[in-house]
């Protein structure tokens, strides 16, 4: 393993750290999507950006959209499995 680390100049460790941060970011986005679904509270993107920077708002909306997609897929998988049932 040390030889592989030398050949790749330590990129495996950096790739693992980047993957960890990406998974954490998706989990935070999914938590925000769950909050929106269960309580109706939405994230106010206008408070994050100052001025007329519409590009930042687009990126935030895309980021929150990833959480919505993960939430949809998770609910679909859990609903089709035999481990969960609806109580409402």
PDB file of N, CA and C in Angstrom:
ATOM      1  N   UNK A   1       0.819  -1.195   0.000  1.00  0.00           N
ATOM      2  CA  UNK A   1       0.000   0.000   0.000  1.00  0.00           C
ATOM      3  C   UNK A   1       0.862   1.258   0.000  1.00  0.00           C
ATOM      4  N   UNK A   2       2.001   1.188   0.685  1.00  0.00           N
ATOM      5  CA  UNK A   2       2.901   2.337   0.711  1.00  0.00           C
ATOM      6  C   UNK A   2       3.449   2.599  -0.685  1.00  0.00           C
ATOM      7  N   UNK A   3       3.750   1.533  -1.419  1.00  0.00           N
ATOM      8  CA  UNK A   3       4.253   1.687  -2.790  1.00  0.00           C
ATOM      9  C   UNK A   3       3.214   2.372  -3.684  1.00  0.00           C
ATOM     10  N   UNK A   4       1.938   1.965  -3.528  1.00  0.00           N
ATOM     11  CA  UNK A   4       0.868   2.591  -4.316  1.00  0.00           C
ATOM     12  C   UNK A   4       0.723   4.059  -3.940  1.00  0.00           C
ATOM     13  N   UNK A   5       0.884   4.369  -2.670  1.00  0.00           N
ATOM     14  CA  UNK A   5       0.800   5.748  -2.229  1.00  0.00           C
ATOM     15  C   UNK A   5       1.953   6.574  -2.807  1.00  0.00           C
ATOM     16  N   UNK A   6       3.116   5.980  -2.912  1.00  0.00           N
ATOM     17  CA  UNK A   6       4.245   6.682  -3.510  1.00  0.00           C
ATOM     18  C   UNK A   6       4.038   6.904  -5.004  1.00  0.00           C
ATOM     19  N   UNK A   7       3.477   5.911  -5.676  1.00  0.00           N
ATOM     20  CA  UNK A   7       3.246   6.041  -7.118  1.00  0.00           C
ATOM     21  C   UNK A   7       2.216   7.114  -7.447  1.00  0.00           C
ATOM     22  N   UNK A   8       1.228   7.267  -6.601  1.00  0.00           N
ATOM     23  CA  UNK A   8       0.149   8.223  -6.890  1.00  0.00           C
ATOM     24  C   UNK A   8       0.339   9.547  -6.159  1.00  0.00           C
ATOM     25  N   UNK A   9       1.507   9.738  -5.541  1.00  0.00           N
ATOM     26  CA  UNK A   9       1.842  10.975  -4.825  1.00  0.00           C
ATOM     27  C   UNK A   9       0.830  11.307  -3.725  1.00  0.00           C
ATOM     28  N   UNK A  10       0.289  10.289  -3.072  1.00  0.00           N
ATOM     29  CA  UNK A  10      -0.631  10.506  -1.965  1.00  0.00           C
ATOM     30  C   UNK A  10      -2.038  10.896  -2.366  1.00  0.00           C
ATOM     31  N   UNK A  11      -2.398  10.674  -3.633  1.00  0.00           N
ATOM     32  CA  UNK A  11      -3.725  11.081  -4.105  1.00  0.00           C
ATOM     33  C   UNK A  11      -4.850  10.236  -3.506  1.00  0.00           C
ATOM     34  N   UNK A  12      -4.561   8.988  -3.086  1.00  0.00           N
ATOM     35  CA  UNK A  12      -5.620   8.143  -2.532  1.00  0.00           C
ATOM     36  C   UNK A  12      -6.170   8.749  -1.249  1.00  0.00           C
ATOM     37  N   UNK A  13      -5.301   9.287  -0.416  1.00  0.00           N
ATOM     38  CA  UNK A  13      -5.756   9.926   0.816  1.00  0.00           C
ATOM     39  C   UNK A  13      -6.570  11.171   0.542  1.00  0.00           C
ATOM     40  N   UNK A  14      -6.136  11.943  -0.435  1.00  0.00           N
ATOM     41  CA  UNK A  14      -6.870  13.157  -0.807  1.00  0.00           C
ATOM     42  C   UNK A  14      -8.210  12.822  -1.437  1.00  0.00           C
ATOM     43  N   UNK A  15      -8.260  11.766  -2.220  1.00  0.00           N
ATOM     44  CA  UNK A  15      -9.512  11.343  -2.829  1.00  0.00           C
ATOM     45  C   UNK A  15     -10.504  10.870  -1.767  1.00  0.00           C
ATOM     46  N   UNK A  16      -9.999  10.162  -0.764  1.00  0.00           N
ATOM     47  CA  UNK A  16     -10.864   9.722   0.326  1.00  0.00           C
ATOM     48  C   UNK A  16     -11.417  10.889   1.122  1.00  0.00           C
ATOM     49  N   UNK A  17     -10.578  11.883   1.373  1.00  0.00           N
ATOM     50  CA  UNK A  17     -11.030  13.068   2.105  1.00  0.00           C
ATOM     51  C   UNK A  17     -12.061  13.846   1.295  1.00  0.00           C
ATOM     52  N   UNK A  18     -11.833  13.986  -0.006  1.00  0.00           N
ATOM     53  CA  UNK A  18     -12.784  14.691  -0.865  1.00  0.00           C
ATOM     54  C   UNK A  18     -14.116  13.954  -0.921  1.00  0.00           C
ATOM     55  N   UNK A  19     -14.067  12.633  -0.996  1.00  0.00           N
ATOM     56  CA  UNK A  19     -15.287  11.829  -0.988  1.00  0.00           C
ATOM     57  C   UNK A  19     -16.036  12.003   0.329  1.00  0.00           C
ATOM     58  N   UNK A  20     -15.314  12.032   1.427  1.00  0.00           N
ATOM     59  CA  UNK A  20     -15.929  12.222   2.735  1.00  0.00           C
ATOM     60  C   UNK A  20     -16.649  13.570   2.810  1.00  0.00           C
ATOM     61  N   UNK A  21     -15.996  14.633   2.336  1.00  0.00           N
ATOM     62  CA  UNK A  21     -16.623  15.957   2.344  1.00  0.00           C
ATOM     63  C   UNK A  21     -17.845  16.009   1.432  1.00  0.00           C
ATOM     64  N   UNK A  22     -17.766  15.342   0.283  1.00  0.00           N
ATOM     65  CA  UNK A  22     -18.902  15.333  -0.639  1.00  0.00           C
ATOM     66  C   UNK A  22     -20.100  14.611  -0.035  1.00  0.00           C
ATOM     67  N   UNK A  23     -19.850  13.479   0.629  1.00  0.00           N
ATOM     68  CA  UNK A  23     -20.942  12.741   1.278  1.00  0.00           C
ATOM     69  C   UNK A  23     -21.548  13.574   2.408  1.00  0.00           C
ATOM     70  N   UNK A  24     -20.700  14.261   3.176  1.00  0.00           N
ATOM     71  CA  UNK A  24     -21.212  15.129   4.236  1.00  0.00           C
ATOM     72  C   UNK A  24     -22.085  16.252   3.675  1.00  0.00           C
ATOM     73  N   UNK A  25     -21.663  16.844   2.557  1.00  0.00           N
ATOM     74  CA  UNK A  25     -22.446  17.915   1.948  1.00  0.00           C
ATOM     75  C   UNK A  25     -23.802  17.402   1.463  1.00  0.00           C
ATOM     76  N   UNK A  26     -23.828  16.204   0.884  1.00  0.00           N
ATOM     77  CA  UNK A  26     -25.094  15.622   0.430  1.00  0.00           C
ATOM     78  C   UNK A  26     -25.996  15.312   1.621  1.00  0.00           C
ATOM     79  N   UNK A  27     -25.423  14.825   2.713  1.00  0.00           N
ATOM     80  CA  UNK A  27     -26.228  14.544   3.904  1.00  0.00           C
ATOM     81  C   UNK A  27     -26.840  15.814   4.482  1.00  0.00           C
ATOM     82  N   UNK A  28     -26.091  16.906   4.509  1.00  0.00           N
ATOM     83  CA  UNK A  28     -26.638  18.167   5.002  1.00  0.00           C
ATOM     84  C   UNK A  28     -27.758  18.645   4.100  1.00  0.00           C
ATOM     85  N   UNK A  29     -27.574  18.530   2.796  1.00  0.00           N
ATOM     86  CA  UNK A  29     -28.618  18.923   1.849  1.00  0.00           C
ATOM     87  C   UNK A  29     -29.863  18.055   2.014  1.00  0.00           C
ATOM     88  N   UNK A  30     -29.676  16.774   2.283  1.00  0.00           N
ATOM     89  CA  UNK A  30     -30.805  15.867   2.489  1.00  0.00           C
ATOM     90  C   UNK A  30     -31.538  16.192   3.786  1.00  0.00           C
ATOM     91  N   UNK A  31     -30.808  16.560   4.815  1.00  0.00           N
ATOM     92  CA  UNK A  31     -31.447  16.967   6.071  1.00  0.00           C
ATOM     93  C   UNK A  31     -32.294  18.213   5.855  1.00  0.00           C
ATOM     94  N   UNK A  32     -31.778  19.175   5.093  1.00  0.00           N
ATOM     95  CA  UNK A  32     -32.556  20.376   4.797  1.00  0.00           C
ATOM     96  C   UNK A  32     -33.798  20.045   3.970  1.00  0.00           C
ATOM     97  N   UNK A  33     -33.683  19.088   3.057  1.00  0.00           N
ATOM     98  CA  UNK A  33     -34.845  18.664   2.269  1.00  0.00           C
ATOM     99  C   UNK A  33     -35.879  17.985   3.160  1.00  0.00           C
ATOM    100  N   UNK A  34     -35.422  17.185   4.118  1.00  0.00           N
ATOM    101  CA  UNK A  34     -36.347  16.550   5.057  1.00  0.00           C
ATOM    102  C   UNK A  34     -37.047  17.555   5.936  1.00  0.00           C
ATOM    103  N   UNK A  35     -36.320  18.577   6.358  1.00  0.00           N
ATOM    104  CA  UNK A  35     -36.952  19.643   7.146  1.00  0.00           C
ATOM    105  C   UNK A  35     -38.030  20.344   6.329  1.00  0.00           C
ATOM    106  N   UNK A  36     -37.739  20.572   5.061  1.00  0.00           N
ATOM    107  CA  UNK A  36     -38.714  21.244   4.193  1.00  0.00           C
ATOM    108  C   UNK A  36     -39.959  20.379   4.020  1.00  0.00           C
ATOM    109  N   UNK A  37     -39.747  19.081   3.833  1.00  0.00           N
ATOM    110  CA  UNK A  37     -40.883  18.183   3.620  1.00  0.00           C
ATOM    111  C   UNK A  37     -41.737  18.028   4.873  1.00  0.00           C
ATOM    112  N   UNK A  38     -41.105  17.919   6.031  1.00  0.00           N
ATOM    113  CA  UNK A  38     -41.870  17.620   7.246  1.00  0.00           C
ATOM    114  C   UNK A  38     -42.460  18.859   7.902  1.00  0.00           C
ATOM    115  N   UNK A  39     -41.819  20.017   7.762  1.00  0.00           N
ATOM    116  CA  UNK A  39     -42.315  21.213   8.448  1.00  0.00           C
ATOM    117  C   UNK A  39     -42.767  22.315   7.511  1.00  0.00           C
ATOM    118  N   UNK A  40     -42.332  22.278   6.269  1.00  0.00           N
ATOM    119  CA  UNK A  40     -42.673  23.347   5.336  1.00  0.00           C
ATOM    120  C   UNK A  40     -41.699  24.505   5.367  1.00  0.00           C
ATOM    121  N   UNK A  41     -40.684  24.450   6.230  1.00  0.00           N
ATOM    122  CA  UNK A  41     -39.683  25.514   6.284  1.00  0.00           C
ATOM    123  C   UNK A  41     -38.753  25.392   5.088  1.00  0.00           C
ATOM    124  N   UNK A  42     -38.516  26.494   4.402  1.00  0.00           N
ATOM    125  CA  UNK A  42     -37.610  26.491   3.257  1.00  0.00           C
ATOM    126  C   UNK A  42     -36.426  27.392   3.545  1.00  0.00           C
ATOM    127  N   UNK A  43     -35.318  27.104   2.893  1.00  0.00           N
ATOM    128  CA  UNK A  43     -34.084  27.863   3.069  1.00  0.00           C
ATOM    129  C   UNK A  43     -34.179  29.147   2.273  1.00  0.00           C
ATOM    130  N   UNK A  44     -33.920  30.269   2.914  1.00  0.00           N
ATOM    131  CA  UNK A  44     -34.000  31.576   2.273  1.00  0.00           C
ATOM    132  C   UNK A  44     -32.660  31.883   1.615  1.00  0.00           C
ATOM    133  N   UNK A  45     -32.577  31.700   0.297  1.00  0.00           N
ATOM    134  CA  UNK A  45     -31.303  31.886  -0.408  1.00  0.00           C
ATOM    135  C   UNK A  45     -30.957  33.361  -0.577  1.00  0.00           C
ATOM    136  N   UNK A  46     -31.910  34.251  -0.466  1.00  0.00           N
ATOM    137  CA  UNK A  46     -31.617  35.678  -0.629  1.00  0.00           C
ATOM    138  C   UNK A  46     -30.775  36.211   0.531  1.00  0.00           C
ATOM    139  N   UNK A  47     -30.832  35.575   1.685  1.00  0.00           N
ATOM    140  CA  UNK A  47     -30.041  36.033   2.827  1.00  0.00           C
ATOM    141  C   UNK A  47     -28.586  35.621   2.708  1.00  0.00           C
ATOM    142  N   UNK A  48     -28.305  34.614   1.891  1.00  0.00           N
ATOM    143  CA  UNK A  48     -26.929  34.134   1.755  1.00  0.00           C
ATOM    144  C   UNK A  48     -26.136  35.067   0.855  1.00  0.00           C
ATOM    145  N   UNK A  49     -26.719  35.493  -0.241  1.00  0.00           N
ATOM    146  CA  UNK A  49     -26.009  36.332  -1.207  1.00  0.00           C
ATOM    147  C   UNK A  49     -26.306  37.800  -0.943  1.00  0.00           C
ATOM    148  N   UNK A  50     -25.317  38.616  -1.225  1.00  0.00           N
ATOM    149  CA  UNK A  50     -25.461  40.056  -1.059  1.00  0.00           C
ATOM    150  C   UNK A  50     -25.489  40.681  -2.441  1.00  0.00           C
ATOM    151  N   UNK A  51     -26.476  41.515  -2.687  1.00  0.00           N
ATOM    152  CA  UNK A  51     -26.565  42.183  -3.971  1.00  0.00           C
ATOM    153  C   UNK A  51     -27.316  41.347  -4.988  1.00  0.00           C
ATOM    154  N   UNK A  52     -26.926  41.517  -6.237  1.00  0.00           N
ATOM    155  CA  UNK A  52     -27.632  40.848  -7.325  1.00  0.00           C
ATOM    156  C   UNK A  52     -26.822  39.689  -7.893  1.00  0.00           C
ATOM    157  N   UNK A  53     -26.203  38.904  -7.048  1.00  0.00           N
ATOM    158  CA  UNK A  53     -25.406  37.757  -7.485  1.00  0.00           C
ATOM    159  C   UNK A  53     -26.332  36.557  -7.680  1.00  0.00           C
ATOM    160  N   UNK A  54     -26.875  36.438  -8.875  1.00  0.00           N
ATOM    161  CA  UNK A  54     -27.830  35.367  -9.156  1.00  0.00           C
ATOM    162  C   UNK A  54     -27.145  34.021  -9.354  1.00  0.00           C
ATOM    163  N   UNK A  55     -25.850  34.010  -9.691  1.00  0.00           N
ATOM    164  CA  UNK A  55     -25.135  32.745  -9.874  1.00  0.00           C
ATOM    165  C   UNK A  55     -25.044  31.962  -8.572  1.00  0.00           C
ATOM    166  N   UNK A  56     -24.820  32.657  -7.469  1.00  0.00           N
ATOM    167  CA  UNK A  56     -24.739  31.972  -6.176  1.00  0.00           C
ATOM    168  C   UNK A  56     -26.093  31.375  -5.819  1.00  0.00           C
ATOM    169  N   UNK A  57     -27.174  32.088  -6.106  1.00  0.00           N
ATOM    170  CA  UNK A  57     -28.514  31.549  -5.835  1.00  0.00           C
ATOM    171  C   UNK A  57     -28.787  30.304  -6.661  1.00  0.00           C
ATOM    172  N   UNK A  58     -28.318  30.281  -7.907  1.00  0.00           N
ATOM    173  CA  UNK A  58     -28.502  29.102  -8.757  1.00  0.00           C
ATOM    174  C   UNK A  58     -27.752  27.906  -8.197  1.00  0.00           C
ATOM    175  N   UNK A  59     -26.519  28.131  -7.724  1.00  0.00           N
ATOM    176  CA  UNK A  59     -25.731  27.034  -7.160  1.00  0.00           C
ATOM    177  C   UNK A  59     -26.357  26.506  -5.877  1.00  0.00           C
ATOM    178  N   UNK A  60     -26.880  27.401  -5.058  1.00  0.00           N
ATOM    179  CA  UNK A  60     -27.533  26.963  -3.822  1.00  0.00           C
ATOM    180  C   UNK A  60     -28.793  26.169  -4.145  1.00  0.00           C
ATOM    181  N   UNK A  61     -29.558  26.621  -5.124  1.00  0.00           N
ATOM    182  CA  UNK A  61     -30.757  25.883  -5.525  1.00  0.00           C
ATOM    183  C   UNK A  61     -30.401  24.498  -6.073  1.00  0.00           C
ATOM    184  N   UNK A  62     -29.327  24.406  -6.844  1.00  0.00           N
ATOM    185  CA  UNK A  62     -28.883  23.099  -7.348  1.00  0.00           C
ATOM    186  C   UNK A  62     -28.436  22.195  -6.206  1.00  0.00           C
ATOM    187  N   UNK A  63     -27.722  22.775  -5.251  1.00  0.00           N
ATOM    188  CA  UNK A  63     -27.258  22.013  -4.090  1.00  0.00           C
ATOM    189  C   UNK A  63     -28.439  21.476  -3.293  1.00  0.00           C
ATOM    190  N   UNK A  64     -29.429  22.309  -3.062  1.00  0.00           N
ATOM    191  CA  UNK A  64     -30.616  21.859  -2.334  1.00  0.00           C
ATOM    192  C   UNK A  64     -31.435  20.873  -3.165  1.00  0.00           C
ATOM    193  N   UNK A  65     -31.377  20.984  -4.482  1.00  0.00           N
ATOM    194  CA  UNK A  65     -32.050  20.035  -5.361  1.00  0.00           C
ATOM    195  C   UNK A  65     -31.454  18.640  -5.259  1.00  0.00           C
ATOM    196  N   UNK A  66     -30.149  18.560  -5.015  1.00  0.00           N
ATOM    197  CA  UNK A  66     -29.507  17.252  -4.813  1.00  0.00           C
ATOM    198  C   UNK A  66     -30.092  16.589  -3.582  1.00  0.00           C
ATOM    199  N   UNK A  67     -30.295  17.341  -2.518  1.00  0.00           N
ATOM    200  CA  UNK A  67     -30.907  16.794  -1.310  1.00  0.00           C
ATOM    201  C   UNK A  67     -32.325  16.331  -1.541  1.00  0.00           C
ATOM    202  N   UNK A  68     -33.076  17.080  -2.342  1.00  0.00           N
ATOM    203  CA  UNK A  68     -34.437  16.670  -2.683  1.00  0.00           C
ATOM    204  C   UNK A  68     -34.430  15.355  -3.461  1.00  0.00           C
ATOM    205  N   UNK A  69     -33.493  15.225  -4.411  1.00  0.00           N
ATOM    206  CA  UNK A  69     -33.400  14.002  -5.204  1.00  0.00           C
ATOM    207  C   UNK A  69     -33.032  12.812  -4.330  1.00  0.00           C
ATOM    208  N   UNK A  70     -32.055  13.002  -3.439  1.00  0.00           N
ATOM    209  CA  UNK A  70     -31.652  11.917  -2.542  1.00  0.00           C
ATOM    210  C   UNK A  70     -32.818  11.531  -1.641  1.00  0.00           C
ATOM    211  N   UNK A  71     -33.566  12.519  -1.167  1.00  0.00           N
ATOM    212  CA  UNK A  71     -34.731  12.239  -0.318  1.00  0.00           C
ATOM    213  C   UNK A  71     -35.777  11.441  -1.097  1.00  0.00           C
ATOM    214  N   UNK A  72     -36.061  11.839  -2.335  1.00  0.00           N
ATOM    215  CA  UNK A  72     -37.032  11.114  -3.169  1.00  0.00           C
ATOM    216  C   UNK A  72     -36.605   9.670  -3.389  1.00  0.00           C
ATOM    217  N   UNK A  73     -35.339   9.470  -3.725  1.00  0.00           N
ATOM    218  CA  UNK A  73     -34.845   8.118  -3.979  1.00  0.00           C
ATOM    219  C   UNK A  73     -34.876   7.268  -2.715  1.00  0.00           C
ATOM    220  N   UNK A  74     -34.528   7.872  -1.586  1.00  0.00           N
ATOM    221  CA  UNK A  74     -34.538   7.130  -0.321  1.00  0.00           C
ATOM    222  C   UNK A  74     -35.940   6.701   0.060  1.00  0.00           C
ATOM    223  N   UNK A  75     -36.908   7.590  -0.125  1.00  0.00           N
ATOM    224  CA  UNK A  75     -38.298   7.259   0.189  1.00  0.00           C
ATOM    225  C   UNK A  75     -38.813   6.175  -0.755  1.00  0.00           C
ATOM    226  N   UNK A  76     -38.439   6.252  -2.028  1.00  0.00           N
ATOM    227  CA  UNK A  76     -38.882   5.240  -2.985  1.00  0.00           C
ATOM    228  C   UNK A  76     -38.298   3.868  -2.657  1.00  0.00           C
ATOM    229  N   UNK A  77     -37.026   3.828  -2.306  1.00  0.00           N
ATOM    230  CA  UNK A  77     -36.392   2.552  -1.969  1.00  0.00           C
ATOM    231  C   UNK A  77     -36.972   1.989  -0.679  1.00  0.00           C
ATOM    232  N   UNK A  78     -37.149   2.842   0.318  1.00  0.00           N
ATOM    233  CA  UNK A  78     -37.702   2.370   1.588  1.00  0.00           C
ATOM    234  C   UNK A  78     -39.152   1.927   1.431  1.00  0.00           C
ATOM    235  N   UNK A  79     -39.913   2.621   0.590  1.00  0.00           N
ATOM    236  CA  UNK A  79     -41.315   2.258   0.374  1.00  0.00           C
ATOM    237  C   UNK A  79     -41.478   0.952  -0.365  1.00  0.00           C
ATOM    238  N   UNK A  80     -40.526   0.611  -1.212  1.00  0.00           N
ATOM    239  CA  UNK A  80     -40.642  -0.633  -1.975  1.00  0.00           C
ATOM    240  C   UNK A  80     -40.050  -1.832  -1.230  1.00  0.00           C
ATOM    241  N   UNK A  81     -39.357  -1.591  -0.140  1.00  0.00           N
ATOM    242  CA  UNK A  81     -38.792  -2.706   0.616  1.00  0.00           C
ATOM    243  C   UNK A  81     -39.820  -3.218   1.623  1.00  0.00           C
ATOM    244  N   UNK A  82     -39.587  -4.362   2.142  1.00  0.00           N
ATOM    245  CA  UNK A  82     -40.487  -4.940   3.122  1.00  0.00           C
ATOM    246  C   UNK A  82     -40.181  -4.516   4.552  1.00  0.00           C
ATOM    247  N   UNK A  83     -39.149  -3.734   4.750  1.00  0.00           N
ATOM    248  CA  UNK A  83     -38.722  -3.339   6.088  1.00  0.00           C
ATOM    249  C   UNK A  83     -39.512  -2.164   6.649  1.00  0.00           C
ATOM    250  N   UNK A  84     -40.177  -1.399   5.790  1.00  0.00           N
ATOM    251  CA  UNK A  84     -40.905  -0.203   6.229  1.00  0.00           C
ATOM    252  C   UNK A  84     -42.360  -0.307   5.817  1.00  0.00           C
ATOM    253  N   UNK A  85     -43.248   0.330   6.587  1.00  0.00           N
ATOM    254  CA  UNK A  85     -44.643   0.446   6.209  1.00  0.00           C
ATOM    255  C   UNK A  85     -45.163   1.814   6.615  1.00  0.00           C
ATOM    256  N   UNK A  86     -46.173   2.302   5.904  1.00  0.00           N
ATOM    257  CA  UNK A  86     -46.735   3.633   6.171  1.00  0.00           C
ATOM    258  C   UNK A  86     -47.728   3.557   7.313  1.00  0.00           C
ATOM    259  N   UNK A  87     -47.682   4.547   8.193  1.00  0.00           N
ATOM    260  CA  UNK A  87     -48.599   4.564   9.327  1.00  0.00           C
ATOM    261  C   UNK A  87     -49.648   5.651   9.186  1.00  0.00           C
ATOM    262  N   UNK A  88     -49.535   6.548   8.251  1.00  0.00           N
ATOM    263  CA  UNK A  88     -50.517   7.625   8.078  1.00  0.00           C
ATOM    264  C   UNK A  88     -51.573   7.209   7.109  1.00  0.00           C
TER     265      UNK A  88
END
